[in-house]
Amino acid sequence: MAKHSKTIPQRGLRVADQIQKDLSELIAFELKDPRVGMVTLTEVQLTPDYAHAKIYFTLLKDSKEEVKQTLEGLSKAAGYLRNMLGKRLHIHTLPQLHFVHDTSTSRGLQMSALIDQANAVRAADFEADEAGAGGSAKENVDTDAAAKAKSE
């Protein structure tokens, strides 16, 4: 029994991956709702009993209105998508589909912009310090590298 319980999580991951693949195809080619445009499914999380699936999606344009319309369209089509998924997957329990907008991509872009901004400020401060010290940054880096090489 212990060996079987170790393989169950792997099966859950495989089923979630297959659901993600099949739903992506169904949304792209079968769903005719004009509210649902270019949708990318980023992750599917299944409960251990396969009763519920949380499907995370992103959009090409992440405006609040677009997200709201897409979420409404996907929620309305959840029953149809579940029915079509049942014809493709042959598992005992088909999960209820719950769609959630994935904000990790937009948060990542915001974090990247903040890091770029901090690096630009740091570089400007470094250049200002170097200009005030009378030496160039390249000369200081070269002398630092030479001193490090001598110590080794």
Protein backbone atom coordinates (compact mmCIF):
# COMPACT_ATOMS: atom_id res chain seq x y z
CA MET A 1 0.00 0.00 0.00
CA ALA A 2 2.85 2.42 0.71
CA LYS A 3 4.16 2.00 -2.83
CA HIS A 4 0.75 2.86 -4.29
CA SER A 5 0.37 6.01 -2.18
CA LYS A 6 3.70 7.32 -3.51
CA THR A 7 2.54 7.05 -7.12
CA ILE A 8 -0.75 8.89 -6.59
CA PRO A 9 0.74 12.43 -6.56
CA GLN A 10 2.53 11.71 -9.83
CA ARG A 11 -0.75 10.60 -11.35
CA GLY A 12 -2.40 13.80 -10.13
CA LEU A 13 0.29 15.86 -11.84
CA ARG A 14 -0.11 13.91 -15.07
CA VAL A 15 -3.89 14.33 -14.99
CA ALA A 16 -3.52 18.07 -14.30
CA ASP A 17 -1.08 18.41 -17.22
CA GLN A 18 -3.46 16.55 -19.52
CA ILE A 19 -6.39 18.73 -18.40
CA GLN A 20 -4.31 21.84 -19.10
CA LYS A 21 -3.38 20.59 -22.58
CA ASP A 22 -6.93 19.55 -23.48
CA LEU A 23 -8.53 22.71 -22.10
CA SER A 24 -6.06 24.84 -24.06
CA GLU A 25 -7.10 23.10 -27.27
CA LEU A 26 -10.80 23.29 -26.42
CA ILE A 27 -10.66 27.01 -25.60
CA ALA A 28 -8.66 27.81 -28.72
CA PHE A 29 -10.60 25.73 -31.24
CA GLU A 30 -14.02 24.78 -29.82
CA LEU A 31 -15.12 27.73 -27.70
CA LYS A 32 -16.98 30.36 -29.72
CA ASP A 33 -17.60 32.93 -26.96
CA PRO A 34 -16.47 36.37 -28.19
CA ARG A 35 -15.57 37.40 -24.62
CA VAL A 36 -12.82 34.79 -24.55
CA GLY A 37 -9.86 35.83 -26.67
CA MET A 38 -6.22 34.82 -26.56
CA VAL A 39 -6.02 32.88 -23.30
CA THR A 40 -2.96 31.06 -21.99
CA LEU A 41 -3.50 28.45 -19.30
CA THR A 42 -0.54 28.66 -16.95
CA GLU A 43 -1.38 26.06 -14.32
CA VAL A 44 -4.00 23.54 -13.26
CA GLN A 45 -4.29 22.57 -9.60
CA LEU A 46 -6.36 19.49 -8.78
CA THR A 47 -7.74 18.50 -5.42
CA PRO A 48 -6.60 15.01 -4.35
CA ASP A 49 -10.05 13.56 -5.06
CA TYR A 50 -10.22 15.24 -8.52
CA ALA A 51 -13.48 16.95 -7.55
CA HIS A 52 -12.25 20.48 -8.29
CA ALA A 53 -9.70 21.96 -10.64
CA LYS A 54 -8.42 25.50 -10.30
CA ILE A 55 -7.29 26.72 -13.72
CA TYR A 56 -4.98 29.76 -13.83
CA PHE A 57 -4.96 31.82 -17.02
CA THR A 58 -3.26 34.91 -18.41
CA LEU A 59 -4.19 37.22 -21.24
CA LEU A 60 -2.17 39.01 -23.85
CA LYS A 61 -3.69 42.28 -22.64
CA ASP A 62 -4.19 42.29 -18.87
CA SER A 63 -6.62 45.20 -18.56
CA LYS A 64 -9.24 44.86 -15.82
CA GLU A 65 -12.11 44.95 -18.31
CA GLU A 66 -10.54 42.24 -20.51
CA VAL A 67 -9.90 40.03 -17.49
CA LYS A 68 -13.46 40.50 -16.24
CA GLN A 69 -15.00 39.65 -19.62
CA THR A 70 -12.76 36.64 -20.12
CA LEU A 71 -13.47 35.35 -16.62
CA GLU A 72 -17.22 35.68 -17.23
CA GLY A 73 -16.92 33.88 -20.56
CA LEU A 74 -14.84 31.04 -19.14
CA SER A 75 -17.11 30.67 -16.12
CA LYS A 76 -20.20 30.47 -18.35
CA ALA A 77 -18.48 27.91 -20.58
CA ALA A 78 -17.20 25.78 -17.67
CA GLY A 79 -20.01 23.22 -18.02
CA TYR A 80 -19.48 22.88 -21.77
CA LEU A 81 -15.72 22.61 -21.32
CA ARG A 82 -16.18 19.98 -18.60
CA ASN A 83 -18.47 17.97 -20.90
CA MET A 84 -15.98 18.15 -23.77
CA LEU A 85 -13.16 17.29 -21.38
CA GLY A 86 -15.10 14.19 -20.30
CA LYS A 87 -15.13 12.97 -23.90
CA ARG A 88 -11.33 13.30 -24.07
CA LEU A 89 -10.33 12.10 -20.60
CA HIS A 90 -11.43 8.76 -19.31
CA ILE A 91 -11.24 9.23 -15.57
CA HIS A 92 -13.82 8.33 -12.96
CA THR A 93 -14.35 11.83 -11.57
CA LEU A 94 -14.36 14.89 -13.78
CA PRO A 95 -13.46 17.98 -11.80
CA GLN A 96 -15.55 21.12 -11.51
CA LEU A 97 -13.65 23.85 -13.35
CA HIS A 98 -12.82 27.07 -11.51
CA PHE A 99 -11.01 29.74 -13.53
CA VAL A 100 -8.65 32.22 -11.83
CA HIS A 101 -6.68 35.06 -13.40
CA ASP A 102 -2.93 34.51 -12.89
CA THR A 103 -1.28 37.77 -11.88
CA SER A 104 2.22 36.36 -11.43
CA THR A 105 3.33 37.48 -14.90
CA SER A 106 2.28 41.09 -14.41
CA ARG A 107 3.79 41.12 -10.91
CA GLY A 108 7.03 39.75 -12.34
CA LEU A 109 7.12 42.54 -14.92
CA GLN A 110 6.55 45.12 -12.19
CA MET A 111 9.37 43.63 -10.09
CA SER A 112 11.68 43.61 -13.11
CA ALA A 113 10.91 47.28 -13.77
CA LEU A 114 11.66 48.14 -10.13
CA ILE A 115 14.97 46.27 -10.29
CA ASP A 116 15.91 48.04 -13.53
CA GLN A 117 15.04 51.38 -11.95
CA ALA A 118 17.14 50.62 -8.86
CA ASN A 119 20.08 49.54 -11.03
CA ALA A 120 19.84 52.74 -13.08
CA VAL A 121 19.86 54.87 -9.93
CA ARG A 122 22.80 52.90 -8.56
CA ALA A 123 24.75 53.28 -11.81
CA ALA A 124 24.05 57.02 -11.88
CA ASP A 125 25.23 57.34 -8.27
CA PHE A 126 28.37 55.33 -9.05
CA GLU A 127 29.16 57.53 -12.06
CA ALA A 128 28.60 60.67 -10.00
CA ASP A 129 30.93 59.37 -7.29
CA GLU A 130 33.59 58.51 -9.85
CA ALA A 131 33.33 61.90 -11.53
CA GLY A 132 33.68 63.59 -8.15
CA ALA A 133 36.72 61.46 -7.23
CA GLY A 134 38.52 62.45 -10.42
CA GLY A 135 39.16 58.91 -11.67
CA SER A 136 37.27 56.93 -14.19
CA ALA A 137 35.33 53.82 -13.24
CA LYS A 138 37.38 51.71 -15.68
CA GLU A 139 40.66 52.74 -14.06
CA ASN A 140 39.35 51.85 -10.59
CA VAL A 141 38.08 48.46 -11.78
CA ASP A 142 41.47 47.76 -13.45
CA THR A 143 43.41 48.66 -10.29
CA ASP A 144 41.03 46.60 -8.15
CA ALA A 145 41.51 43.59 -10.46
CA ALA A 146 45.31 44.01 -10.37
CA ALA A 147 45.33 44.23 -6.56
CA LYS A 148 43.15 41.12 -6.33
CA ALA A 149 45.45 39.20 -8.71
CA LYS A 150 48.52 40.12 -6.61
CA SER A 151 46.89 38.93 -3.41
CA GLU A 152 46.09 35.53 -4.90
